[in-house]
């Protein structure tokens, strides 16, 4: 883990001890951002401590992989008059201006899942969450959007966060709890958070196949 145990360093130590011939690095960030490179930096530092040259492959993203899209779509079942909101973790807008492809990949993920679900353009929206500081971040902002939707007579919503391979404080507290309260306080009726893929069998099967494809 980048922040926790087992750490990247301990994982590399273990792999070196097993005398592996190649290491595949798979950050569980489906959409690539320049910040994802921090994982590669941590790996390089961990490997450097062993003073060993070892082949490795870094999987930058899997935002449009058919099996990932299918796994996400399989978690979604919309009820009548329910709108689907794709909420992704936000980044400063200047990253995009500097050439970061993150927002483009987020939008492609959402479009592909919507297509898999046969949704019309009026049945889904996309937003970005968890901004902080004073500078502008990617928009629309999830919290503001959810507070405004009831004024447009959109009062039934399901929210999914495709950028998270597993649920965490951000998805559970901010999205599932705090934003639900904001939505209902603004006049919304039904708010449903769709859990991350977590240990879903479709998810695990996809990750295994993704890694196996890099073993040749």
N, C-alpha and C. Protein backbone atom coordinates (compact mmCIF):
# COMPACT_ATOMS: atom_id res chain seq x y z
N UNK A 1 0.83 -1.19 0.00
CA UNK A 1 0.00 0.00 0.00
C UNK A 1 0.87 1.25 0.00
N UNK A 2 0.35 2.31 -0.62
CA UNK A 2 1.08 3.57 -0.60
C UNK A 2 1.06 4.19 0.79
N UNK A 3 -0.07 4.02 1.49
CA UNK A 3 -0.22 4.60 2.83
C UNK A 3 -0.76 3.53 3.77
N UNK A 4 0.09 2.67 4.25
CA UNK A 4 -0.34 1.61 5.13
C UNK A 4 0.51 0.37 4.96
N UNK A 5 0.08 -0.71 5.56
CA UNK A 5 0.81 -1.97 5.49
C UNK A 5 -0.05 -3.08 4.91
N UNK A 6 0.53 -3.99 4.12
CA UNK A 6 1.95 -4.04 3.79
C UNK A 6 2.36 -2.89 2.86
N UNK A 7 3.51 -2.33 3.10
CA UNK A 7 3.99 -1.19 2.33
C UNK A 7 4.59 -1.66 1.01
N UNK A 8 4.80 -0.70 0.11
CA UNK A 8 5.46 -1.02 -1.17
C UNK A 8 6.86 -1.56 -0.90
N UNK A 9 7.54 -0.97 0.06
CA UNK A 9 8.89 -1.44 0.39
C UNK A 9 8.87 -2.89 0.85
N UNK A 10 7.97 -3.24 1.76
CA UNK A 10 7.93 -4.61 2.27
C UNK A 10 7.55 -5.60 1.17
N UNK A 11 6.68 -5.17 0.24
CA UNK A 11 6.30 -6.05 -0.87
C UNK A 11 7.49 -6.31 -1.78
N UNK A 12 8.24 -5.26 -2.09
CA UNK A 12 9.43 -5.42 -2.93
C UNK A 12 10.46 -6.29 -2.23
N UNK A 13 10.66 -6.07 -0.94
CA UNK A 13 11.60 -6.90 -0.17
C UNK A 13 11.23 -8.37 -0.28
N UNK A 14 9.94 -8.66 -0.16
CA UNK A 14 9.47 -10.04 -0.22
C UNK A 14 9.69 -10.65 -1.60
N UNK A 15 9.40 -9.87 -2.63
CA UNK A 15 9.57 -10.37 -3.99
C UNK A 15 11.04 -10.62 -4.32
N UNK A 16 11.91 -9.74 -3.88
CA UNK A 16 13.34 -9.92 -4.10
C UNK A 16 13.82 -11.18 -3.39
N UNK A 17 13.32 -11.40 -2.18
CA UNK A 17 13.71 -12.59 -1.41
C UNK A 17 13.28 -13.87 -2.11
N UNK A 18 12.20 -13.78 -2.90
CA UNK A 18 11.71 -14.94 -3.64
C UNK A 18 12.41 -15.11 -4.97
N UNK A 19 13.33 -14.19 -5.27
CA UNK A 19 14.13 -14.25 -6.49
C UNK A 19 13.26 -14.24 -7.75
N UNK A 20 12.26 -13.37 -7.78
CA UNK A 20 11.39 -13.27 -8.95
C UNK A 20 12.16 -12.71 -10.13
N UNK A 21 11.68 -13.00 -11.33
CA UNK A 21 12.36 -12.57 -12.55
C UNK A 21 11.78 -11.28 -13.12
N UNK A 22 10.56 -10.93 -12.73
CA UNK A 22 9.91 -9.73 -13.25
C UNK A 22 8.85 -9.28 -12.26
N UNK A 23 8.69 -7.98 -12.15
CA UNK A 23 7.65 -7.43 -11.28
C UNK A 23 6.67 -6.62 -12.10
N UNK A 24 5.39 -6.87 -11.89
CA UNK A 24 4.33 -6.10 -12.54
C UNK A 24 3.71 -5.19 -11.50
N UNK A 25 3.67 -3.91 -11.80
CA UNK A 25 3.13 -2.92 -10.87
C UNK A 25 1.77 -2.48 -11.38
N UNK A 26 0.75 -2.73 -10.58
CA UNK A 26 -0.61 -2.36 -10.96
C UNK A 26 -1.21 -1.43 -9.91
N UNK A 27 -1.09 -0.12 -10.09
CA UNK A 27 -1.77 0.81 -9.18
C UNK A 27 -3.28 0.65 -9.37
N UNK A 28 -4.01 0.55 -8.30
CA UNK A 28 -5.45 0.36 -8.42
C UNK A 28 -6.17 1.68 -8.63
N UNK A 29 -5.64 2.44 -9.59
CA UNK A 29 -6.25 3.69 -10.05
C UNK A 29 -6.63 3.47 -11.51
N UNK A 30 -7.89 3.19 -11.80
CA UNK A 30 -8.29 2.90 -13.19
C UNK A 30 -7.94 4.00 -14.18
N UNK A 31 -8.09 5.26 -13.75
CA UNK A 31 -7.80 6.40 -14.61
C UNK A 31 -6.44 6.98 -14.21
N UNK A 32 -5.58 7.17 -15.19
CA UNK A 32 -4.22 7.63 -14.90
C UNK A 32 -4.17 9.14 -14.72
N UNK A 33 -3.47 9.56 -13.69
CA UNK A 33 -3.15 10.97 -13.49
C UNK A 33 -1.66 11.08 -13.21
N UNK A 34 -1.12 12.25 -13.38
CA UNK A 34 0.30 12.44 -13.11
C UNK A 34 0.63 12.04 -11.67
N UNK A 35 -0.35 12.14 -10.78
CA UNK A 35 -0.12 11.75 -9.39
C UNK A 35 0.07 10.24 -9.24
N UNK A 36 -0.41 9.46 -10.22
CA UNK A 36 -0.23 8.01 -10.18
C UNK A 36 1.24 7.65 -10.22
N UNK A 37 2.04 8.54 -10.81
CA UNK A 37 3.47 8.29 -10.93
C UNK A 37 4.15 8.16 -9.56
N UNK A 38 3.49 8.64 -8.52
CA UNK A 38 4.07 8.53 -7.18
C UNK A 38 4.25 7.06 -6.79
N UNK A 39 3.38 6.20 -7.31
CA UNK A 39 3.50 4.76 -7.04
C UNK A 39 4.78 4.22 -7.67
N UNK A 40 5.04 4.64 -8.91
CA UNK A 40 6.26 4.20 -9.60
C UNK A 40 7.49 4.73 -8.88
N UNK A 41 7.42 5.96 -8.40
CA UNK A 41 8.55 6.53 -7.66
C UNK A 41 8.83 5.72 -6.40
N UNK A 42 7.77 5.35 -5.69
CA UNK A 42 7.93 4.58 -4.45
C UNK A 42 8.52 3.21 -4.75
N UNK A 43 8.07 2.60 -5.86
CA UNK A 43 8.61 1.30 -6.25
C UNK A 43 10.09 1.42 -6.58
N UNK A 44 10.45 2.44 -7.35
CA UNK A 44 11.84 2.63 -7.75
C UNK A 44 12.74 2.81 -6.54
N UNK A 45 12.27 3.56 -5.57
CA UNK A 45 13.05 3.78 -4.35
C UNK A 45 13.21 2.48 -3.56
N UNK A 46 12.14 1.69 -3.53
CA UNK A 46 12.19 0.41 -2.82
C UNK A 46 13.16 -0.55 -3.49
N UNK A 47 13.14 -0.56 -4.82
CA UNK A 47 14.03 -1.46 -5.56
C UNK A 47 15.48 -1.00 -5.45
N UNK A 48 15.68 0.30 -5.44
CA UNK A 48 17.03 0.87 -5.38
C UNK A 48 17.77 0.42 -4.13
N UNK A 49 17.05 0.23 -3.05
CA UNK A 49 17.68 -0.18 -1.80
C UNK A 49 18.34 -1.55 -1.91
N UNK A 50 17.91 -2.32 -2.91
CA UNK A 50 18.48 -3.66 -3.09
C UNK A 50 19.64 -3.64 -4.08
N UNK A 51 19.89 -2.48 -4.68
CA UNK A 51 20.98 -2.35 -5.65
C UNK A 51 20.89 -3.44 -6.72
N UNK A 52 19.66 -3.65 -7.20
CA UNK A 52 19.45 -4.73 -8.15
C UNK A 52 18.65 -4.24 -9.35
N UNK A 53 19.08 -4.67 -10.54
CA UNK A 53 18.35 -4.34 -11.76
C UNK A 53 17.40 -5.50 -12.05
N UNK A 54 16.11 -5.18 -12.13
CA UNK A 54 15.10 -6.22 -12.32
C UNK A 54 14.05 -5.72 -13.31
N UNK A 55 13.71 -6.52 -14.32
CA UNK A 55 12.67 -6.10 -15.27
C UNK A 55 11.34 -5.87 -14.55
N UNK A 56 10.65 -4.82 -14.94
CA UNK A 56 9.33 -4.57 -14.37
C UNK A 56 8.45 -3.91 -15.42
N UNK A 57 7.15 -4.02 -15.21
CA UNK A 57 6.18 -3.36 -16.10
C UNK A 57 5.17 -2.61 -15.25
N UNK A 58 4.92 -1.37 -15.63
CA UNK A 58 4.01 -0.51 -14.90
C UNK A 58 2.72 -0.35 -15.70
N UNK A 59 1.60 -0.79 -15.15
CA UNK A 59 0.31 -0.67 -15.83
C UNK A 59 -0.26 0.70 -15.49
N UNK A 60 -0.24 1.60 -16.46
CA UNK A 60 -0.61 2.99 -16.21
C UNK A 60 -2.09 3.17 -15.87
N UNK A 61 -2.95 2.46 -16.56
CA UNK A 61 -4.39 2.64 -16.34
C UNK A 61 -5.15 1.46 -16.97
N UNK A 62 -6.42 1.40 -16.65
CA UNK A 62 -7.29 0.40 -17.30
C UNK A 62 -8.70 0.97 -17.42
N UNK A 63 -8.76 2.26 -17.64
CA UNK A 63 -10.03 2.99 -17.60
C UNK A 63 -11.05 2.55 -18.63
N UNK A 64 -10.58 1.98 -19.75
CA UNK A 64 -11.50 1.59 -20.82
C UNK A 64 -11.45 0.09 -21.13
N UNK A 65 -10.87 -0.67 -20.23
CA UNK A 65 -10.79 -2.12 -20.46
C UNK A 65 -12.20 -2.71 -20.44
N UNK A 66 -12.55 -3.49 -21.45
CA UNK A 66 -13.91 -4.04 -21.54
C UNK A 66 -14.37 -4.79 -20.29
N UNK A 67 -13.47 -5.53 -19.65
CA UNK A 67 -13.86 -6.30 -18.46
C UNK A 67 -14.08 -5.40 -17.25
N UNK A 68 -13.34 -4.32 -17.18
CA UNK A 68 -13.55 -3.33 -16.11
C UNK A 68 -14.89 -2.64 -16.31
N UNK A 69 -15.16 -2.24 -17.53
CA UNK A 69 -16.43 -1.58 -17.85
C UNK A 69 -17.60 -2.52 -17.55
N UNK A 70 -17.46 -3.77 -17.93
CA UNK A 70 -18.52 -4.76 -17.70
C UNK A 70 -18.74 -4.97 -16.20
N UNK A 71 -17.65 -5.04 -15.45
CA UNK A 71 -17.77 -5.25 -14.00
C UNK A 71 -18.51 -4.09 -13.34
N UNK A 72 -18.20 -2.87 -13.77
CA UNK A 72 -18.90 -1.70 -13.23
C UNK A 72 -20.39 -1.75 -13.59
N UNK A 73 -20.66 -2.01 -14.85
CA UNK A 73 -22.05 -2.03 -15.32
C UNK A 73 -22.87 -3.08 -14.58
N UNK A 74 -22.24 -4.18 -14.23
CA UNK A 74 -22.96 -5.25 -13.54
C UNK A 74 -23.39 -4.87 -12.12
N UNK A 75 -22.82 -3.78 -11.60
CA UNK A 75 -23.21 -3.34 -10.25
C UNK A 75 -24.37 -2.36 -10.27
N UNK A 76 -24.76 -1.93 -11.47
CA UNK A 76 -25.76 -0.87 -11.59
C UNK A 76 -27.11 -1.42 -12.05
N UNK A 77 -28.12 -1.16 -11.27
CA UNK A 77 -29.51 -1.43 -11.66
C UNK A 77 -30.32 -0.20 -11.27
N UNK A 78 -30.75 0.55 -12.27
CA UNK A 78 -31.48 1.78 -11.99
C UNK A 78 -32.98 1.52 -11.88
N UNK A 79 -33.60 2.19 -10.94
CA UNK A 79 -35.05 2.12 -10.83
C UNK A 79 -35.66 3.21 -11.71
N UNK A 80 -36.96 3.19 -11.84
CA UNK A 80 -37.64 4.17 -12.69
C UNK A 80 -37.40 5.59 -12.17
N UNK A 81 -37.11 6.49 -13.10
CA UNK A 81 -36.88 7.90 -12.78
C UNK A 81 -35.64 8.13 -11.92
N UNK A 82 -34.72 7.18 -11.92
CA UNK A 82 -33.48 7.34 -11.15
C UNK A 82 -32.34 7.73 -12.08
N UNK A 83 -31.60 8.77 -11.72
CA UNK A 83 -30.48 9.23 -12.53
C UNK A 83 -29.19 8.66 -11.97
N UNK A 84 -28.25 8.32 -12.85
CA UNK A 84 -26.96 7.77 -12.42
C UNK A 84 -25.90 8.86 -12.47
N UNK A 85 -25.23 9.08 -11.35
CA UNK A 85 -24.15 10.06 -11.28
C UNK A 85 -22.81 9.35 -11.13
N UNK A 86 -21.91 9.60 -12.07
CA UNK A 86 -20.54 9.10 -11.98
C UNK A 86 -19.72 10.17 -11.27
N UNK A 87 -19.22 9.88 -10.09
CA UNK A 87 -18.43 10.85 -9.34
C UNK A 87 -16.99 10.36 -9.21
N UNK A 88 -16.06 11.15 -9.72
CA UNK A 88 -14.64 10.80 -9.69
C UNK A 88 -13.89 11.72 -8.74
N UNK A 89 -12.80 11.23 -8.20
CA UNK A 89 -11.96 12.07 -7.36
C UNK A 89 -11.42 13.22 -8.21
N UNK A 90 -11.49 14.42 -7.69
CA UNK A 90 -11.07 15.58 -8.45
C UNK A 90 -9.57 15.85 -8.36
N UNK A 91 -9.08 16.65 -9.29
CA UNK A 91 -7.70 17.14 -9.27
C UNK A 91 -7.73 18.60 -9.68
N UNK A 92 -6.71 19.38 -9.37
CA UNK A 92 -6.69 20.78 -9.79
C UNK A 92 -6.83 20.91 -11.30
N UNK A 93 -7.62 21.89 -11.73
CA UNK A 93 -7.87 22.08 -13.16
C UNK A 93 -6.58 22.36 -13.93
N UNK A 94 -5.59 22.94 -13.27
CA UNK A 94 -4.35 23.27 -13.97
C UNK A 94 -3.61 22.01 -14.44
N UNK A 95 -3.84 20.88 -13.78
CA UNK A 95 -3.21 19.64 -14.23
C UNK A 95 -3.67 19.31 -15.65
N UNK A 96 -4.96 19.50 -15.89
CA UNK A 96 -5.51 19.24 -17.22
C UNK A 96 -4.90 20.20 -18.23
N UNK A 97 -4.76 21.47 -17.86
CA UNK A 97 -4.18 22.47 -18.75
C UNK A 97 -2.73 22.14 -19.07
N UNK A 98 -2.08 21.43 -18.15
CA UNK A 98 -0.68 21.06 -18.34
C UNK A 98 -0.52 19.74 -19.09
N UNK A 99 -1.64 19.15 -19.52
CA UNK A 99 -1.58 17.95 -20.34
C UNK A 99 -1.97 16.65 -19.68
N UNK A 100 -2.48 16.71 -18.46
CA UNK A 100 -2.91 15.50 -17.77
C UNK A 100 -4.18 14.96 -18.44
N UNK A 101 -4.20 13.65 -18.72
CA UNK A 101 -5.33 13.02 -19.42
C UNK A 101 -6.40 12.49 -18.48
N UNK A 102 -6.27 12.75 -17.20
CA UNK A 102 -7.16 12.15 -16.21
C UNK A 102 -8.64 12.41 -16.49
N UNK A 103 -9.02 13.65 -16.68
CA UNK A 103 -10.44 13.96 -16.87
C UNK A 103 -10.98 13.32 -18.14
N UNK A 104 -10.15 13.26 -19.17
CA UNK A 104 -10.57 12.63 -20.42
C UNK A 104 -10.85 11.15 -20.20
N UNK A 105 -9.99 10.50 -19.41
CA UNK A 105 -10.19 9.08 -19.14
C UNK A 105 -11.41 8.84 -18.24
N UNK A 106 -11.66 9.75 -17.31
CA UNK A 106 -12.85 9.64 -16.47
C UNK A 106 -14.11 9.71 -17.34
N UNK A 107 -14.12 10.65 -18.25
CA UNK A 107 -15.30 10.82 -19.12
C UNK A 107 -15.49 9.61 -20.03
N UNK A 108 -14.37 9.04 -20.49
CA UNK A 108 -14.50 7.86 -21.34
C UNK A 108 -15.06 6.68 -20.55
N UNK A 109 -14.58 6.50 -19.32
CA UNK A 109 -15.11 5.43 -18.47
C UNK A 109 -16.62 5.58 -18.31
N UNK A 110 -17.05 6.79 -17.98
CA UNK A 110 -18.49 7.03 -17.77
C UNK A 110 -19.28 6.76 -19.04
N UNK A 111 -18.78 7.23 -20.17
CA UNK A 111 -19.49 7.02 -21.44
C UNK A 111 -19.62 5.53 -21.76
N UNK A 112 -18.55 4.79 -21.53
CA UNK A 112 -18.56 3.36 -21.86
C UNK A 112 -19.51 2.58 -20.94
N UNK A 113 -19.53 2.93 -19.66
CA UNK A 113 -20.45 2.25 -18.75
C UNK A 113 -21.89 2.60 -19.11
N UNK A 114 -22.14 3.87 -19.41
CA UNK A 114 -23.48 4.29 -19.81
C UNK A 114 -23.92 3.56 -21.08
N UNK A 115 -22.98 3.38 -21.99
CA UNK A 115 -23.29 2.65 -23.23
C UNK A 115 -23.60 1.19 -22.93
N UNK A 116 -22.82 0.60 -22.04
CA UNK A 116 -23.04 -0.80 -21.65
C UNK A 116 -24.42 -0.98 -21.02
N UNK A 117 -24.89 0.06 -20.34
CA UNK A 117 -26.19 0.02 -19.67
C UNK A 117 -27.33 0.51 -20.55
N UNK A 118 -26.98 0.92 -21.78
CA UNK A 118 -27.97 1.46 -22.72
C UNK A 118 -28.68 2.69 -22.16
N UNK A 119 -27.93 3.54 -21.50
CA UNK A 119 -28.50 4.76 -20.95
C UNK A 119 -28.51 5.88 -21.99
N UNK A 120 -29.50 6.71 -21.93
CA UNK A 120 -29.54 7.89 -22.79
C UNK A 120 -28.75 9.00 -22.10
N UNK A 121 -28.48 10.08 -22.82
CA UNK A 121 -27.73 11.19 -22.25
C UNK A 121 -28.46 11.84 -21.07
N UNK A 122 -29.76 11.70 -21.03
CA UNK A 122 -30.55 12.29 -19.95
C UNK A 122 -30.59 11.44 -18.69
N UNK A 123 -29.98 10.25 -18.75
CA UNK A 123 -30.05 9.34 -17.61
C UNK A 123 -28.79 9.31 -16.76
N UNK A 124 -27.77 10.08 -17.15
CA UNK A 124 -26.55 10.06 -16.35
C UNK A 124 -25.82 11.39 -16.40
N UNK A 125 -25.01 11.63 -15.37
CA UNK A 125 -24.19 12.83 -15.26
C UNK A 125 -22.81 12.44 -14.72
N UNK A 126 -21.87 13.36 -14.82
CA UNK A 126 -20.51 13.13 -14.31
C UNK A 126 -20.08 14.34 -13.49
N UNK A 127 -19.37 14.08 -12.39
CA UNK A 127 -18.89 15.17 -11.55
C UNK A 127 -17.59 14.75 -10.86
N UNK A 128 -16.99 15.71 -10.15
CA UNK A 128 -15.71 15.47 -9.47
C UNK A 128 -15.82 15.90 -8.00
N UNK A 129 -15.28 15.07 -7.13
CA UNK A 129 -15.44 15.24 -5.69
C UNK A 129 -14.13 15.59 -4.98
N UNK A 130 -14.27 15.92 -3.70
CA UNK A 130 -13.14 16.02 -2.76
C UNK A 130 -12.15 17.14 -3.04
N UNK A 131 -12.62 18.24 -3.59
CA UNK A 131 -11.70 19.36 -3.80
C UNK A 131 -11.35 19.99 -2.45
N UNK A 132 -10.21 20.65 -2.40
CA UNK A 132 -9.84 21.42 -1.22
C UNK A 132 -8.90 22.54 -1.65
N UNK A 133 -8.71 23.50 -0.80
CA UNK A 133 -7.88 24.63 -1.15
C UNK A 133 -8.66 25.67 -1.93
N UNK A 134 -7.98 26.71 -2.35
CA UNK A 134 -8.65 27.84 -3.00
C UNK A 134 -8.62 27.81 -4.52
N UNK A 135 -7.75 26.97 -5.11
CA UNK A 135 -7.66 26.97 -6.57
C UNK A 135 -8.81 26.17 -7.19
N UNK A 136 -9.02 26.40 -8.47
CA UNK A 136 -10.09 25.72 -9.20
C UNK A 136 -9.72 24.27 -9.47
N UNK A 137 -10.70 23.39 -9.26
CA UNK A 137 -10.51 21.97 -9.55
C UNK A 137 -11.43 21.59 -10.72
N UNK A 138 -11.31 20.35 -11.17
CA UNK A 138 -12.17 19.88 -12.25
C UNK A 138 -13.63 20.02 -11.84
N UNK A 139 -14.45 20.42 -12.79
CA UNK A 139 -15.87 20.65 -12.52
C UNK A 139 -16.73 19.83 -13.47
N UNK A 140 -18.01 19.64 -13.13
CA UNK A 140 -18.74 20.18 -11.98
C UNK A 140 -18.35 19.48 -10.68
N UNK A 141 -18.53 20.21 -9.57
CA UNK A 141 -18.22 19.67 -8.26
C UNK A 141 -19.40 18.81 -7.78
N UNK A 142 -19.09 17.63 -7.29
CA UNK A 142 -20.14 16.69 -6.87
C UNK A 142 -21.07 17.28 -5.82
N UNK A 143 -20.52 17.91 -4.79
CA UNK A 143 -21.37 18.41 -3.71
C UNK A 143 -22.32 19.50 -4.20
N UNK A 144 -21.82 20.40 -5.04
CA UNK A 144 -22.67 21.47 -5.56
C UNK A 144 -23.73 20.92 -6.51
N UNK A 145 -23.33 19.97 -7.33
CA UNK A 145 -24.27 19.38 -8.29
C UNK A 145 -25.42 18.70 -7.55
N UNK A 146 -25.09 17.93 -6.52
CA UNK A 146 -26.13 17.21 -5.78
C UNK A 146 -27.08 18.16 -5.06
N UNK A 147 -26.57 19.29 -4.63
CA UNK A 147 -27.43 20.28 -3.96
C UNK A 147 -28.34 20.99 -4.94
N UNK A 148 -27.93 21.05 -6.21
CA UNK A 148 -28.72 21.76 -7.22
C UNK A 148 -29.72 20.87 -7.96
N UNK A 149 -29.46 19.57 -8.01
CA UNK A 149 -30.33 18.69 -8.79
C UNK A 149 -31.80 18.72 -8.36
N UNK A 150 -32.11 18.72 -7.06
CA UNK A 150 -33.53 18.76 -6.67
C UNK A 150 -34.27 19.99 -7.20
N UNK A 151 -33.56 21.10 -7.38
CA UNK A 151 -34.21 22.31 -7.92
C UNK A 151 -34.58 22.13 -9.38
N UNK A 152 -33.98 21.11 -10.02
CA UNK A 152 -34.29 20.80 -11.42
C UNK A 152 -35.23 19.60 -11.51
N UNK A 153 -35.85 19.29 -10.39
CA UNK A 153 -36.82 18.19 -10.29
C UNK A 153 -36.17 16.82 -10.49
N UNK A 154 -34.88 16.73 -10.21
CA UNK A 154 -34.19 15.44 -10.21
C UNK A 154 -34.03 15.04 -8.74
N UNK A 155 -34.88 14.14 -8.29
CA UNK A 155 -34.95 13.85 -6.86
C UNK A 155 -34.64 12.40 -6.50
N UNK A 156 -34.29 11.61 -7.50
CA UNK A 156 -33.93 10.21 -7.26
C UNK A 156 -32.60 9.94 -7.96
N UNK A 157 -31.60 9.56 -7.19
CA UNK A 157 -30.27 9.44 -7.79
C UNK A 157 -29.50 8.25 -7.23
N UNK A 158 -28.70 7.66 -8.10
CA UNK A 158 -27.76 6.61 -7.70
C UNK A 158 -26.37 7.13 -8.03
N UNK A 159 -25.44 6.99 -7.11
CA UNK A 159 -24.09 7.53 -7.29
C UNK A 159 -23.08 6.40 -7.29
N UNK A 160 -22.19 6.41 -8.28
CA UNK A 160 -21.14 5.41 -8.39
C UNK A 160 -19.81 6.13 -8.53
N UNK A 161 -18.77 5.58 -7.93
CA UNK A 161 -17.43 6.18 -7.98
C UNK A 161 -16.46 5.21 -8.67
N UNK A 162 -16.41 5.20 -9.99
CA UNK A 162 -15.61 4.23 -10.73
C UNK A 162 -14.10 4.34 -10.53
N UNK A 163 -13.64 5.48 -10.00
CA UNK A 163 -12.21 5.67 -9.81
C UNK A 163 -11.65 4.96 -8.59
N UNK A 164 -12.52 4.34 -7.81
CA UNK A 164 -12.08 3.65 -6.59
C UNK A 164 -12.26 2.15 -6.76
N UNK A 165 -11.15 1.42 -6.67
CA UNK A 165 -11.22 -0.03 -6.76
C UNK A 165 -11.86 -0.63 -5.52
N UNK A 166 -11.73 0.07 -4.41
CA UNK A 166 -12.31 -0.39 -3.14
C UNK A 166 -12.84 0.81 -2.37
N UNK A 167 -13.87 0.57 -1.59
CA UNK A 167 -14.43 1.65 -0.79
C UNK A 167 -13.45 2.10 0.29
N UNK A 168 -13.56 3.36 0.67
CA UNK A 168 -12.67 3.96 1.66
C UNK A 168 -13.43 5.08 2.36
N UNK A 169 -12.76 5.83 3.21
CA UNK A 169 -13.42 6.93 3.92
C UNK A 169 -14.04 7.93 2.95
N UNK A 170 -13.35 8.18 1.85
CA UNK A 170 -13.86 9.17 0.89
C UNK A 170 -15.19 8.74 0.29
N UNK A 171 -15.31 7.49 -0.10
CA UNK A 171 -16.56 7.04 -0.71
C UNK A 171 -17.65 6.81 0.33
N UNK A 172 -17.27 6.30 1.49
CA UNK A 172 -18.27 5.98 2.51
C UNK A 172 -18.77 7.22 3.24
N UNK A 173 -17.84 8.03 3.74
CA UNK A 173 -18.26 9.20 4.52
C UNK A 173 -18.70 10.36 3.64
N UNK A 174 -17.85 10.72 2.68
CA UNK A 174 -18.17 11.89 1.86
C UNK A 174 -19.31 11.63 0.89
N UNK A 175 -19.23 10.53 0.15
CA UNK A 175 -20.22 10.28 -0.90
C UNK A 175 -21.48 9.60 -0.36
N UNK A 176 -21.31 8.48 0.33
CA UNK A 176 -22.48 7.71 0.78
C UNK A 176 -23.25 8.40 1.90
N UNK A 177 -22.55 9.15 2.75
CA UNK A 177 -23.22 9.74 3.92
C UNK A 177 -23.43 11.25 3.80
N UNK A 178 -22.34 12.01 3.72
CA UNK A 178 -22.46 13.47 3.73
C UNK A 178 -23.23 14.01 2.52
N UNK A 179 -22.90 13.51 1.33
CA UNK A 179 -23.58 14.01 0.14
C UNK A 179 -25.04 13.56 0.08
N UNK A 180 -25.32 12.41 0.66
CA UNK A 180 -26.73 11.99 0.73
C UNK A 180 -27.52 12.97 1.59
N UNK A 181 -26.94 13.38 2.70
CA UNK A 181 -27.60 14.33 3.58
C UNK A 181 -27.82 15.66 2.87
N UNK A 182 -26.80 16.12 2.13
CA UNK A 182 -26.91 17.39 1.40
C UNK A 182 -28.00 17.31 0.33
N UNK A 183 -28.05 16.18 -0.37
CA UNK A 183 -29.03 15.99 -1.44
C UNK A 183 -30.45 16.02 -0.88
N UNK A 184 -30.66 15.33 0.22
CA UNK A 184 -32.00 15.27 0.81
C UNK A 184 -32.39 16.60 1.46
N UNK A 185 -31.42 17.29 2.04
CA UNK A 185 -31.71 18.60 2.62
C UNK A 185 -32.10 19.61 1.55
N UNK A 186 -31.62 19.36 0.33
CA UNK A 186 -31.94 20.27 -0.78
C UNK A 186 -33.27 19.92 -1.44
N UNK A 187 -33.92 18.84 -0.96
CA UNK A 187 -35.22 18.46 -1.51
C UNK A 187 -35.24 17.15 -2.24
N UNK A 188 -34.11 16.44 -2.25
CA UNK A 188 -34.07 15.14 -2.92
C UNK A 188 -34.83 14.09 -2.13
N UNK A 189 -35.31 13.07 -2.82
CA UNK A 189 -36.08 12.00 -2.16
C UNK A 189 -35.24 10.76 -1.88
N UNK A 190 -34.73 10.16 -2.94
CA UNK A 190 -34.02 8.90 -2.81
C UNK A 190 -32.58 9.04 -3.29
N UNK A 191 -31.65 8.62 -2.45
CA UNK A 191 -30.22 8.70 -2.75
C UNK A 191 -29.62 7.33 -2.47
N UNK A 192 -28.95 6.78 -3.46
CA UNK A 192 -28.38 5.44 -3.30
C UNK A 192 -26.93 5.43 -3.76
N UNK A 193 -26.05 5.01 -2.87
CA UNK A 193 -24.64 4.88 -3.24
C UNK A 193 -24.37 3.45 -3.70
N UNK A 194 -23.76 3.31 -4.86
CA UNK A 194 -23.41 1.99 -5.40
C UNK A 194 -21.98 1.68 -4.97
N UNK A 195 -21.79 0.65 -4.21
CA UNK A 195 -20.47 0.32 -3.66
C UNK A 195 -19.43 0.12 -4.75
N UNK A 196 -18.17 0.35 -4.38
CA UNK A 196 -17.06 0.10 -5.29
C UNK A 196 -16.99 -1.39 -5.61
N UNK A 197 -16.17 -1.74 -6.58
CA UNK A 197 -16.08 -3.14 -6.99
C UNK A 197 -15.54 -4.03 -5.87
N UNK A 198 -14.66 -3.48 -5.03
CA UNK A 198 -14.15 -4.23 -3.87
C UNK A 198 -13.70 -5.64 -4.26
N UNK A 199 -14.18 -6.65 -3.53
CA UNK A 199 -13.80 -8.04 -3.80
C UNK A 199 -14.80 -8.75 -4.69
N UNK A 200 -15.59 -7.98 -5.42
CA UNK A 200 -16.55 -8.53 -6.38
C UNK A 200 -15.84 -9.53 -7.31
N UNK A 201 -16.47 -10.66 -7.56
CA UNK A 201 -15.82 -11.71 -8.36
C UNK A 201 -15.47 -11.23 -9.77
N UNK A 202 -16.32 -10.40 -10.37
CA UNK A 202 -16.01 -9.85 -11.69
C UNK A 202 -14.75 -9.00 -11.64
N UNK A 203 -14.60 -8.26 -10.57
CA UNK A 203 -13.45 -7.38 -10.39
C UNK A 203 -12.16 -8.19 -10.23
N UNK A 204 -12.20 -9.16 -9.36
CA UNK A 204 -11.01 -9.98 -9.11
C UNK A 204 -10.61 -10.74 -10.37
N UNK A 205 -11.59 -11.30 -11.06
CA UNK A 205 -11.32 -12.03 -12.29
C UNK A 205 -10.67 -11.13 -13.33
N UNK A 206 -11.17 -9.90 -13.44
CA UNK A 206 -10.60 -8.95 -14.39
C UNK A 206 -9.15 -8.62 -14.04
N UNK A 207 -8.88 -8.33 -12.76
CA UNK A 207 -7.53 -7.97 -12.36
C UNK A 207 -6.55 -9.11 -12.62
N UNK A 208 -6.99 -10.34 -12.36
CA UNK A 208 -6.14 -11.50 -12.62
C UNK A 208 -5.81 -11.58 -14.11
N UNK A 209 -6.81 -11.41 -14.95
CA UNK A 209 -6.59 -11.49 -16.40
C UNK A 209 -5.71 -10.34 -16.89
N UNK A 210 -5.87 -9.17 -16.29
CA UNK A 210 -5.05 -8.03 -16.67
C UNK A 210 -3.58 -8.30 -16.35
N UNK A 211 -3.32 -8.84 -15.18
CA UNK A 211 -1.95 -9.15 -14.78
C UNK A 211 -1.38 -10.28 -15.63
N UNK A 212 -2.18 -11.31 -15.86
CA UNK A 212 -1.71 -12.45 -16.66
C UNK A 212 -1.33 -12.02 -18.07
N UNK A 213 -2.01 -11.01 -18.59
CA UNK A 213 -1.72 -10.55 -19.95
C UNK A 213 -0.34 -9.89 -20.04
N UNK A 214 0.23 -9.55 -18.90
CA UNK A 214 1.55 -8.91 -18.88
C UNK A 214 2.68 -9.88 -18.53
N UNK A 215 2.35 -11.14 -18.38
CA UNK A 215 3.36 -12.12 -17.96
C UNK A 215 4.14 -12.73 -19.10
N UNK A 216 3.68 -12.52 -20.32
CA UNK A 216 4.37 -13.13 -21.47
C UNK A 216 5.75 -12.50 -21.68
